[in-house]
Amino acid sequence: MLHEQELEVRQGIWIDREWLRDAGLGGRLHVLIQPGEIRILPGAGAAEQSGTTLGWDIFRTLGDEATPGQLPDAAVDHDRYLYGKHP
């Protein structure tokens, strides 16, 4: 999808996050400046960063629908409860 807009430079140019997302660019950017052109490209590690961010978002949702446990001090004695090992 092509977005085109003419902007008047005042103190700088603001690029909307939505535009960056529509362009498939992540949170890290590489800016290339040449005479008559400024090019914005995905930064090094952008694909890994977005995958990492997505992974953490999924991880954080894992306990959203969990039922409360019945074990006392499960966080303290997790080895014993999970693996049958005693500290």
PDB file of N, CA and C in Angstrom:
ATOM      1  N   MET A   1       0.860  -1.173   0.000  1.00  0.00           N
ATOM      2  CA  MET A   1       0.000   0.000   0.000  1.00  0.00           C
ATOM      3  C   MET A   1       0.903   1.232   0.000  1.00  0.00           C
ATOM      4  N   LEU A   2       0.676   2.123  -0.889  1.00  0.00           N
ATOM      5  CA  LEU A   2       1.480   3.326  -1.021  1.00  0.00           C
ATOM      6  C   LEU A   2       0.826   4.478  -0.277  1.00  0.00           C
ATOM      7  N   HIS A   3       1.578   5.065   0.643  1.00  0.00           N
ATOM      8  CA  HIS A   3       1.143   6.277   1.340  1.00  0.00           C
ATOM      9  C   HIS A   3       2.018   7.406   0.832  1.00  0.00           C
ATOM     10  N   GLU A   4       1.409   8.489   0.475  1.00  0.00           N
ATOM     11  CA  GLU A   4       2.182   9.635   0.023  1.00  0.00           C
ATOM     12  C   GLU A   4       1.608  10.884   0.652  1.00  0.00           C
ATOM     13  N   GLN A   5       2.497  11.706   1.188  1.00  0.00           N
ATOM     14  CA  GLN A   5       2.059  12.935   1.831  1.00  0.00           C
ATOM     15  C   GLN A   5       3.184  13.950   1.722  1.00  0.00           C
ATOM     16  N   GLU A   6       2.840  15.170   1.402  1.00  0.00           N
ATOM     17  CA  GLU A   6       3.826  16.244   1.358  1.00  0.00           C
ATOM     18  C   GLU A   6       3.826  16.944   2.707  1.00  0.00           C
ATOM     19  N   LEU A   7       5.018  17.105   3.287  1.00  0.00           N
ATOM     20  CA  LEU A   7       5.148  17.687   4.622  1.00  0.00           C
ATOM     21  C   LEU A   7       5.930  18.985   4.554  1.00  0.00           C
ATOM     22  N   GLU A   8       5.565  19.933   5.395  1.00  0.00           N
ATOM     23  CA  GLU A   8       6.312  21.172   5.528  1.00  0.00           C
ATOM     24  C   GLU A   8       7.271  21.023   6.702  1.00  0.00           C
ATOM     25  N   VAL A   9       8.556  21.243   6.448  1.00  0.00           N
ATOM     26  CA  VAL A   9       9.562  21.110   7.488  1.00  0.00           C
ATOM     27  C   VAL A   9       9.550  22.370   8.337  1.00  0.00           C
ATOM     28  N   ARG A  10       9.328  22.197   9.629  1.00  0.00           N
ATOM     29  CA  ARG A  10       9.371  23.319  10.567  1.00  0.00           C
ATOM     30  C   ARG A  10      10.609  23.173  11.427  1.00  0.00           C
ATOM     31  N   GLN A  11      10.574  22.241  12.371  1.00  0.00           N
ATOM     32  CA  GLN A  11      11.759  21.959  13.194  1.00  0.00           C
ATOM     33  C   GLN A  11      12.276  20.561  12.912  1.00  0.00           C
ATOM     34  N   GLY A  12      11.529  19.803  12.187  1.00  0.00           N
ATOM     35  CA  GLY A  12      11.886  18.430  11.853  1.00  0.00           C
ATOM     36  C   GLY A  12      10.698  17.763  11.201  1.00  0.00           C
ATOM     37  N   ILE A  13      10.799  16.483  10.995  1.00  0.00           N
ATOM     38  CA  ILE A  13       9.705  15.715  10.386  1.00  0.00           C
ATOM     39  C   ILE A  13       9.336  14.585  11.327  1.00  0.00           C
ATOM     40  N   TRP A  14       8.057  14.443  11.582  1.00  0.00           N
ATOM     41  CA  TRP A  14       7.538  13.378  12.429  1.00  0.00           C
ATOM     42  C   TRP A  14       7.042  12.253  11.535  1.00  0.00           C
ATOM     43  N   ILE A  15       7.501  11.032  11.813  1.00  0.00           N
ATOM     44  CA  ILE A  15       7.024   9.862  11.070  1.00  0.00           C
ATOM     45  C   ILE A  15       6.187   9.032  12.030  1.00  0.00           C
ATOM     46  N   ASP A  16       4.936   8.875  11.717  1.00  0.00           N
ATOM     47  CA  ASP A  16       3.988   8.144  12.552  1.00  0.00           C
ATOM     48  C   ASP A  16       4.421   6.693  12.742  1.00  0.00           C
ATOM     49  N   ARG A  17       4.221   6.158  13.941  1.00  0.00           N
ATOM     50  CA  ARG A  17       4.511   4.754  14.213  1.00  0.00           C
ATOM     51  C   ARG A  17       3.697   3.849  13.291  1.00  0.00           C
ATOM     52  N   GLU A  18       2.474   4.264  12.991  1.00  0.00           N
ATOM     53  CA  GLU A  18       1.616   3.486  12.087  1.00  0.00           C
ATOM     54  C   GLU A  18       2.258   3.362  10.707  1.00  0.00           C
ATOM     55  N   TRP A  19       2.869   4.446  10.216  1.00  0.00           N
ATOM     56  CA  TRP A  19       3.555   4.396   8.920  1.00  0.00           C
ATOM     57  C   TRP A  19       4.706   3.401   8.967  1.00  0.00           C
ATOM     58  N   LEU A  20       5.466   3.435  10.061  1.00  0.00           N
ATOM     59  CA  LEU A  20       6.590   2.510  10.197  1.00  0.00           C
ATOM     60  C   LEU A  20       6.095   1.066  10.239  1.00  0.00           C
ATOM     61  N   ARG A  21       5.008   0.824  10.957  1.00  0.00           N
ATOM     62  CA  ARG A  21       4.427  -0.517  11.025  1.00  0.00           C
ATOM     63  C   ARG A  21       3.909  -0.954   9.666  1.00  0.00           C
ATOM     64  N   ASP A  22       3.219  -0.065   8.944  1.00  0.00           N
ATOM     65  CA  ASP A  22       2.711  -0.391   7.609  1.00  0.00           C
ATOM     66  C   ASP A  22       3.845  -0.715   6.641  1.00  0.00           C
ATOM     67  N   ALA A  23       5.003  -0.096   6.866  1.00  0.00           N
ATOM     68  CA  ALA A  23       6.161  -0.341   6.014  1.00  0.00           C
ATOM     69  C   ALA A  23       6.910  -1.612   6.417  1.00  0.00           C
ATOM     70  N   GLY A  24       6.492  -2.228   7.524  1.00  0.00           N
ATOM     71  CA  GLY A  24       7.154  -3.437   7.978  1.00  0.00           C
ATOM     72  C   GLY A  24       8.446  -3.170   8.723  1.00  0.00           C
ATOM     73  N   LEU A  25       8.604  -1.963   9.244  1.00  0.00           N
ATOM     74  CA  LEU A  25       9.807  -1.600   9.991  1.00  0.00           C
ATOM     75  C   LEU A  25       9.553  -1.797  11.477  1.00  0.00           C
ATOM     76  N   GLY A  26      10.550  -2.273  12.196  1.00  0.00           N
ATOM     77  CA  GLY A  26      10.408  -2.525  13.629  1.00  0.00           C
ATOM     78  C   GLY A  26      10.828  -1.327  14.458  1.00  0.00           C
ATOM     79  N   GLY A  27      11.218  -1.595  15.684  1.00  0.00           N
ATOM     80  CA  GLY A  27      11.596  -0.545  16.615  1.00  0.00           C
ATOM     81  C   GLY A  27      13.021  -0.040  16.442  1.00  0.00           C
ATOM     82  N   ARG A  28      13.850  -0.791  15.732  1.00  0.00           N
ATOM     83  CA  ARG A  28      15.218  -0.358  15.450  1.00  0.00           C
ATOM     84  C   ARG A  28      15.316  -0.025  13.967  1.00  0.00           C
ATOM     85  N   LEU A  29      15.847   1.152  13.670  1.00  0.00           N
ATOM     86  CA  LEU A  29      15.907   1.625  12.295  1.00  0.00           C
ATOM     87  C   LEU A  29      17.330   1.981  11.902  1.00  0.00           C
ATOM     88  N   HIS A  30      17.609   1.840  10.617  1.00  0.00           N
ATOM     89  CA  HIS A  30      18.879   2.266  10.026  1.00  0.00           C
ATOM     90  C   HIS A  30      18.531   3.410   9.076  1.00  0.00           C
ATOM     91  N   VAL A  31      19.125   4.575   9.278  1.00  0.00           N
ATOM     92  CA  VAL A  31      18.830   5.745   8.450  1.00  0.00           C
ATOM     93  C   VAL A  31      20.028   6.006   7.552  1.00  0.00           C
ATOM     94  N   LEU A  32      19.798   6.022   6.248  1.00  0.00           N
ATOM     95  CA  LEU A  32      20.827   6.257   5.250  1.00  0.00           C
ATOM     96  C   LEU A  32      20.585   7.628   4.631  1.00  0.00           C
ATOM     97  N   ILE A  33      21.592   8.501   4.702  1.00  0.00           N
ATOM     98  CA  ILE A  33      21.445   9.865   4.195  1.00  0.00           C
ATOM     99  C   ILE A  33      22.377  10.042   3.012  1.00  0.00           C
ATOM    100  N   GLN A  34      21.789  10.447   1.877  1.00  0.00           N
ATOM    101  CA  GLN A  34      22.533  10.719   0.660  1.00  0.00           C
ATOM    102  C   GLN A  34      22.027  12.045   0.098  1.00  0.00           C
ATOM    103  N   PRO A  35      22.772  12.676  -0.777  1.00  0.00           N
ATOM    104  CA  PRO A  35      22.265  13.919  -1.370  1.00  0.00           C
ATOM    105  C   PRO A  35      20.898  13.696  -2.033  1.00  0.00           C
ATOM    106  N   GLY A  36      19.912  14.465  -1.581  1.00  0.00           N
ATOM    107  CA  GLY A  36      18.566  14.385  -2.153  1.00  0.00           C
ATOM    108  C   GLY A  36      17.725  13.223  -1.665  1.00  0.00           C
ATOM    109  N   GLU A  37      18.220  12.456  -0.700  1.00  0.00           N
ATOM    110  CA  GLU A  37      17.472  11.272  -0.274  1.00  0.00           C
ATOM    111  C   GLU A  37      17.812  10.908   1.169  1.00  0.00           C
ATOM    112  N   ILE A  38      16.784  10.570   1.920  1.00  0.00           N
ATOM    113  CA  ILE A  38      16.939   9.964   3.244  1.00  0.00           C
ATOM    114  C   ILE A  38      16.155   8.666   3.202  1.00  0.00           C
ATOM    115  N   ARG A  39      16.842   7.558   3.469  1.00  0.00           N
ATOM    116  CA  ARG A  39      16.212   6.244   3.374  1.00  0.00           C
ATOM    117  C   ARG A  39      16.173   5.623   4.769  1.00  0.00           C
ATOM    118  N   ILE A  40      15.009   5.081   5.150  1.00  0.00           N
ATOM    119  CA  ILE A  40      14.831   4.435   6.450  1.00  0.00           C
ATOM    120  C   ILE A  40      14.653   2.949   6.203  1.00  0.00           C
ATOM    121  N   LEU A  41      15.549   2.149   6.804  1.00  0.00           N
ATOM    122  CA  LEU A  41      15.556   0.702   6.616  1.00  0.00           C
ATOM    123  C   LEU A  41      15.473   0.007   7.968  1.00  0.00           C
ATOM    124  N   PRO A  42      15.104  -1.268   7.975  1.00  0.00           N
ATOM    125  CA  PRO A  42      15.122  -1.991   9.254  1.00  0.00           C
ATOM    126  C   PRO A  42      16.530  -2.019   9.808  1.00  0.00           C
ATOM    127  N   GLY A  43      16.666  -1.818  11.104  1.00  0.00           N
ATOM    128  CA  GLY A  43      17.972  -1.840  11.751  1.00  0.00           C
ATOM    129  C   GLY A  43      18.484  -3.252  11.919  1.00  0.00           C
ATOM    130  N   ALA A  44      19.780  -3.381  12.158  1.00  0.00           N
ATOM    131  CA  ALA A  44      20.377  -4.693  12.401  1.00  0.00           C
ATOM    132  C   ALA A  44      19.717  -5.316  13.617  1.00  0.00           C
ATOM    133  N   GLY A  45      19.329  -6.558  13.500  1.00  0.00           N
ATOM    134  CA  GLY A  45      18.692  -7.246  14.617  1.00  0.00           C
ATOM    135  C   GLY A  45      17.219  -6.910  14.762  1.00  0.00           C
ATOM    136  N   ALA A  46      16.630  -6.174  13.822  1.00  0.00           N
ATOM    137  CA  ALA A  46      15.213  -5.795  13.945  1.00  0.00           C
ATOM    138  C   ALA A  46      14.315  -7.018  13.929  1.00  0.00           C
ATOM    139  N   ALA A  47      14.627  -7.994  13.078  1.00  0.00           N
ATOM    140  CA  ALA A  47      13.790  -9.195  13.012  1.00  0.00           C
ATOM    141  C   ALA A  47      13.880  -9.971  14.314  1.00  0.00           C
ATOM    142  N   GLU A  48      15.110 -10.094  14.861  1.00  0.00           N
ATOM    143  CA  GLU A  48      15.261 -10.801  16.118  1.00  0.00           C
ATOM    144  C   GLU A  48      14.558 -10.064  17.247  1.00  0.00           C
ATOM    145  N   GLN A  49      14.662  -8.742  17.249  1.00  0.00           N
ATOM    146  CA  GLN A  49      14.037  -7.947  18.301  1.00  0.00           C
ATOM    147  C   GLN A  49      12.528  -8.116  18.277  1.00  0.00           C
ATOM    148  N   SER A  50      11.923  -8.053  17.080  1.00  0.00           N
ATOM    149  CA  SER A  50      10.471  -8.186  17.025  1.00  0.00           C
ATOM    150  C   SER A  50      10.047  -9.594  17.427  1.00  0.00           C
ATOM    151  N   GLY A  51      10.852 -10.617  17.048  1.00  0.00           N
ATOM    152  CA  GLY A  51      10.552 -11.979  17.464  1.00  0.00           C
ATOM    153  C   GLY A  51      10.681 -12.140  18.962  1.00  0.00           C
ATOM    154  N   THR A  52      11.700 -11.523  19.538  1.00  0.00           N
ATOM    155  CA  THR A  52      11.900 -11.577  20.985  1.00  0.00           C
ATOM    156  C   THR A  52      10.755 -10.897  21.707  1.00  0.00           C
ATOM    157  N   THR A  53      10.361  -9.736  21.220  1.00  0.00           N
ATOM    158  CA  THR A  53       9.250  -9.014  21.829  1.00  0.00           C
ATOM    159  C   THR A  53       7.974  -9.837  21.751  1.00  0.00           C
ATOM    160  N   LEU A  54       7.721 -10.442  20.602  1.00  0.00           N
ATOM    161  CA  LEU A  54       6.540 -11.282  20.440  1.00  0.00           C
ATOM    162  C   LEU A  54       6.601 -12.468  21.399  1.00  0.00           C
ATOM    163  N   GLY A  55       7.771 -13.076  21.531  1.00  0.00           N
ATOM    164  CA  GLY A  55       7.932 -14.214  22.437  1.00  0.00           C
ATOM    165  C   GLY A  55       7.627 -13.846  23.880  1.00  0.00           C
ATOM    166  N   TRP A  56       8.133 -12.704  24.339  1.00  0.00           N
ATOM    167  CA  TRP A  56       7.852 -12.256  25.708  1.00  0.00           C
ATOM    168  C   TRP A  56       6.385 -11.944  25.892  1.00  0.00           C
ATOM    169  N   ASP A  57       5.744 -11.361  24.878  1.00  0.00           N
ATOM    170  CA  ASP A  57       4.311 -11.077  24.983  1.00  0.00           C
ATOM    171  C   ASP A  57       3.513 -12.366  25.153  1.00  0.00           C
ATOM    172  N   ILE A  58       3.884 -13.396  24.395  1.00  0.00           N
ATOM    173  CA  ILE A  58       3.202 -14.691  24.514  1.00  0.00           C
ATOM    174  C   ILE A  58       3.469 -15.298  25.888  1.00  0.00           C
ATOM    175  N   PHE A  59       4.723 -15.249  26.326  1.00  0.00           N
ATOM    176  CA  PHE A  59       5.093 -15.801  27.636  1.00  0.00           C
ATOM    177  C   PHE A  59       4.294 -15.148  28.758  1.00  0.00           C
ATOM    178  N   ARG A  60       4.123 -13.827  28.689  1.00  0.00           N
ATOM    179  CA  ARG A  60       3.401 -13.109  29.738  1.00  0.00           C
ATOM    180  C   ARG A  60       1.929 -13.498  29.800  1.00  0.00           C
ATOM    181  N   THR A  61       1.363 -14.011  28.725  1.00  0.00           N
ATOM    182  CA  THR A  61      -0.053 -14.386  28.721  1.00  0.00           C
ATOM    183  C   THR A  61      -0.295 -15.801  29.213  1.00  0.00           C
ATOM    184  N   LEU A  62       0.755 -16.587  29.424  1.00  0.00           N
ATOM    185  CA  LEU A  62       0.564 -17.995  29.768  1.00  0.00           C
ATOM    186  C   LEU A  62      -0.234 -18.211  31.050  1.00  0.00           C
ATOM    187  N   GLY A  63      -0.077 -17.369  32.032  1.00  0.00           N
ATOM    188  CA  GLY A  63      -0.786 -17.560  33.292  1.00  0.00           C
ATOM    189  C   GLY A  63      -2.102 -16.822  33.387  1.00  0.00           C
ATOM    190  N   ASP A  64      -2.524 -16.173  32.306  1.00  0.00           N
ATOM    191  CA  ASP A  64      -3.738 -15.353  32.360  1.00  0.00           C
ATOM    192  C   ASP A  64      -4.984 -16.143  32.748  1.00  0.00           C
ATOM    193  N   GLU A  65      -5.085 -17.386  32.299  1.00  0.00           N
ATOM    194  CA  GLU A  65      -6.284 -18.173  32.567  1.00  0.00           C
ATOM    195  C   GLU A  65      -6.002 -19.338  33.518  1.00  0.00           C
ATOM    196  N   ALA A  66      -4.893 -19.279  34.227  1.00  0.00           N
ATOM    197  CA  ALA A  66      -4.528 -20.371  35.135  1.00  0.00           C
ATOM    198  C   ALA A  66      -5.434 -20.373  36.365  1.00  0.00           C
ATOM    199  N   THR A  67      -5.726 -21.567  36.835  1.00  0.00           N
ATOM    200  CA  THR A  67      -6.499 -21.687  38.070  1.00  0.00           C
ATOM    201  C   THR A  67      -5.529 -21.613  39.245  1.00  0.00           C
ATOM    202  N   PRO A  68      -5.966 -21.067  40.359  1.00  0.00           N
ATOM    203  CA  PRO A  68      -5.078 -20.968  41.517  1.00  0.00           C
ATOM    204  C   PRO A  68      -4.643 -22.358  41.992  1.00  0.00           C
ATOM    205  N   GLY A  69      -3.385 -22.472  42.383  1.00  0.00           N
ATOM    206  CA  GLY A  69      -2.860 -23.745  42.874  1.00  0.00           C
ATOM    207  C   GLY A  69      -3.236 -23.996  44.326  1.00  0.00           C
ATOM    208  N   GLN A  70      -3.011 -25.228  44.767  1.00  0.00           N
ATOM    209  CA  GLN A  70      -3.352 -25.621  46.135  1.00  0.00           C
ATOM    210  C   GLN A  70      -2.116 -25.888  46.985  1.00  0.00           C
ATOM    211  N   LEU A  71      -0.909 -25.675  46.422  1.00  0.00           N
ATOM    212  CA  LEU A  71       0.319 -25.981  47.147  1.00  0.00           C
ATOM    213  C   LEU A  71       0.833 -24.767  47.891  1.00  0.00           C
ATOM    214  N   PRO A  72       1.152 -24.918  49.167  1.00  0.00           N
ATOM    215  CA  PRO A  72       1.736 -23.792  49.912  1.00  0.00           C
ATOM    216  C   PRO A  72       3.207 -23.615  49.518  1.00  0.00           C
ATOM    217  N   ASP A  73       3.665 -22.392  49.433  1.00  0.00           N
ATOM    218  CA  ASP A  73       5.062 -22.066  49.147  1.00  0.00           C
ATOM    219  C   ASP A  73       5.580 -22.708  47.862  1.00  0.00           C
ATOM    220  N   ALA A  74       4.760 -22.778  46.845  1.00  0.00           N
ATOM    221  CA  ALA A  74       5.169 -23.423  45.592  1.00  0.00           C
ATOM    222  C   ALA A  74       6.361 -22.714  44.958  1.00  0.00           C
ATOM    223  N   ALA A  75       6.426 -21.396  45.066  1.00  0.00           N
ATOM    224  CA  ALA A  75       7.544 -20.665  44.485  1.00  0.00           C
ATOM    225  C   ALA A  75       8.843 -20.959  45.234  1.00  0.00           C
ATOM    226  N   VAL A  76       8.758 -21.140  46.535  1.00  0.00           N
ATOM    227  CA  VAL A  76       9.953 -21.398  47.341  1.00  0.00           C
ATOM    228  C   VAL A  76      10.415 -22.838  47.146  1.00  0.00           C
ATOM    229  N   ASP A  77       9.486 -23.782  47.109  1.00  0.00           N
ATOM    230  CA  ASP A  77       9.819 -25.207  47.012  1.00  0.00           C
ATOM    231  C   ASP A  77       9.509 -25.778  45.629  1.00  0.00           C
ATOM    232  N   HIS A  78       9.760 -24.999  44.588  1.00  0.00           N
ATOM    233  CA  HIS A  78       9.361 -25.437  43.251  1.00  0.00           C
ATOM    234  C   HIS A  78      10.062 -26.725  42.819  1.00  0.00           C
ATOM    235  N   ASP A  79      11.325 -26.942  43.201  1.00  0.00           N
ATOM    236  CA  ASP A  79      12.010 -28.177  42.811  1.00  0.00           C
ATOM    237  C   ASP A  79      11.304 -29.403  43.381  1.00  0.00           C
ATOM    238  N   ARG A  80      10.918 -29.296  44.635  1.00  0.00           N
ATOM    239  CA  ARG A  80      10.259 -30.434  45.275  1.00  0.00           C
ATOM    240  C   ARG A  80       8.912 -30.713  44.607  1.00  0.00           C
ATOM    241  N   TYR A  81       8.148 -29.665  44.323  1.00  0.00           N
ATOM    242  CA  TYR A  81       6.824 -29.873  43.734  1.00  0.00           C
ATOM    243  C   TYR A  81       6.900 -30.317  42.273  1.00  0.00           C
ATOM    244  N   LEU A  82       7.853 -29.785  41.522  1.00  0.00           N
ATOM    245  CA  LEU A  82       7.937 -30.136  40.101  1.00  0.00           C
ATOM    246  C   LEU A  82       8.699 -31.420  39.823  1.00  0.00           C
ATOM    247  N   TYR A  83       9.778 -31.630  40.551  1.00  0.00           N
ATOM    248  CA  TYR A  83      10.678 -32.740  40.212  1.00  0.00           C
ATOM    249  C   TYR A  83      10.770 -33.795  41.303  1.00  0.00           C
ATOM    250  N   GLY A  84      10.110 -33.581  42.417  1.00  0.00           N
ATOM    251  CA  GLY A  84      10.189 -34.544  43.502  1.00  0.00           C
ATOM    252  C   GLY A  84      11.517 -34.511  44.226  1.00  0.00           C
ATOM    253  N   LYS A  85      12.307 -33.442  43.982  1.00  0.00           N
ATOM    254  CA  LYS A  85      13.621 -33.313  44.634  1.00  0.00           C
ATOM    255  C   LYS A  85      13.472 -32.477  45.889  1.00  0.00           C
ATOM    256  N   HIS A  86      14.220 -32.821  46.884  1.00  0.00           N
ATOM    257  CA  HIS A  86      14.214 -32.072  48.138  1.00  0.00           C
ATOM    258  C   HIS A  86      15.497 -31.260  48.232  1.00  0.00           C
ATOM    259  N   PRO A  87      15.389 -30.003  48.670  1.00  0.00           N
ATOM    260  CA  PRO A  87      16.590 -29.163  48.756  1.00  0.00           C
ATOM    261  C   PRO A  87      17.598 -29.661  49.745  1.00  0.00           C
TER     262      PRO A  87
END
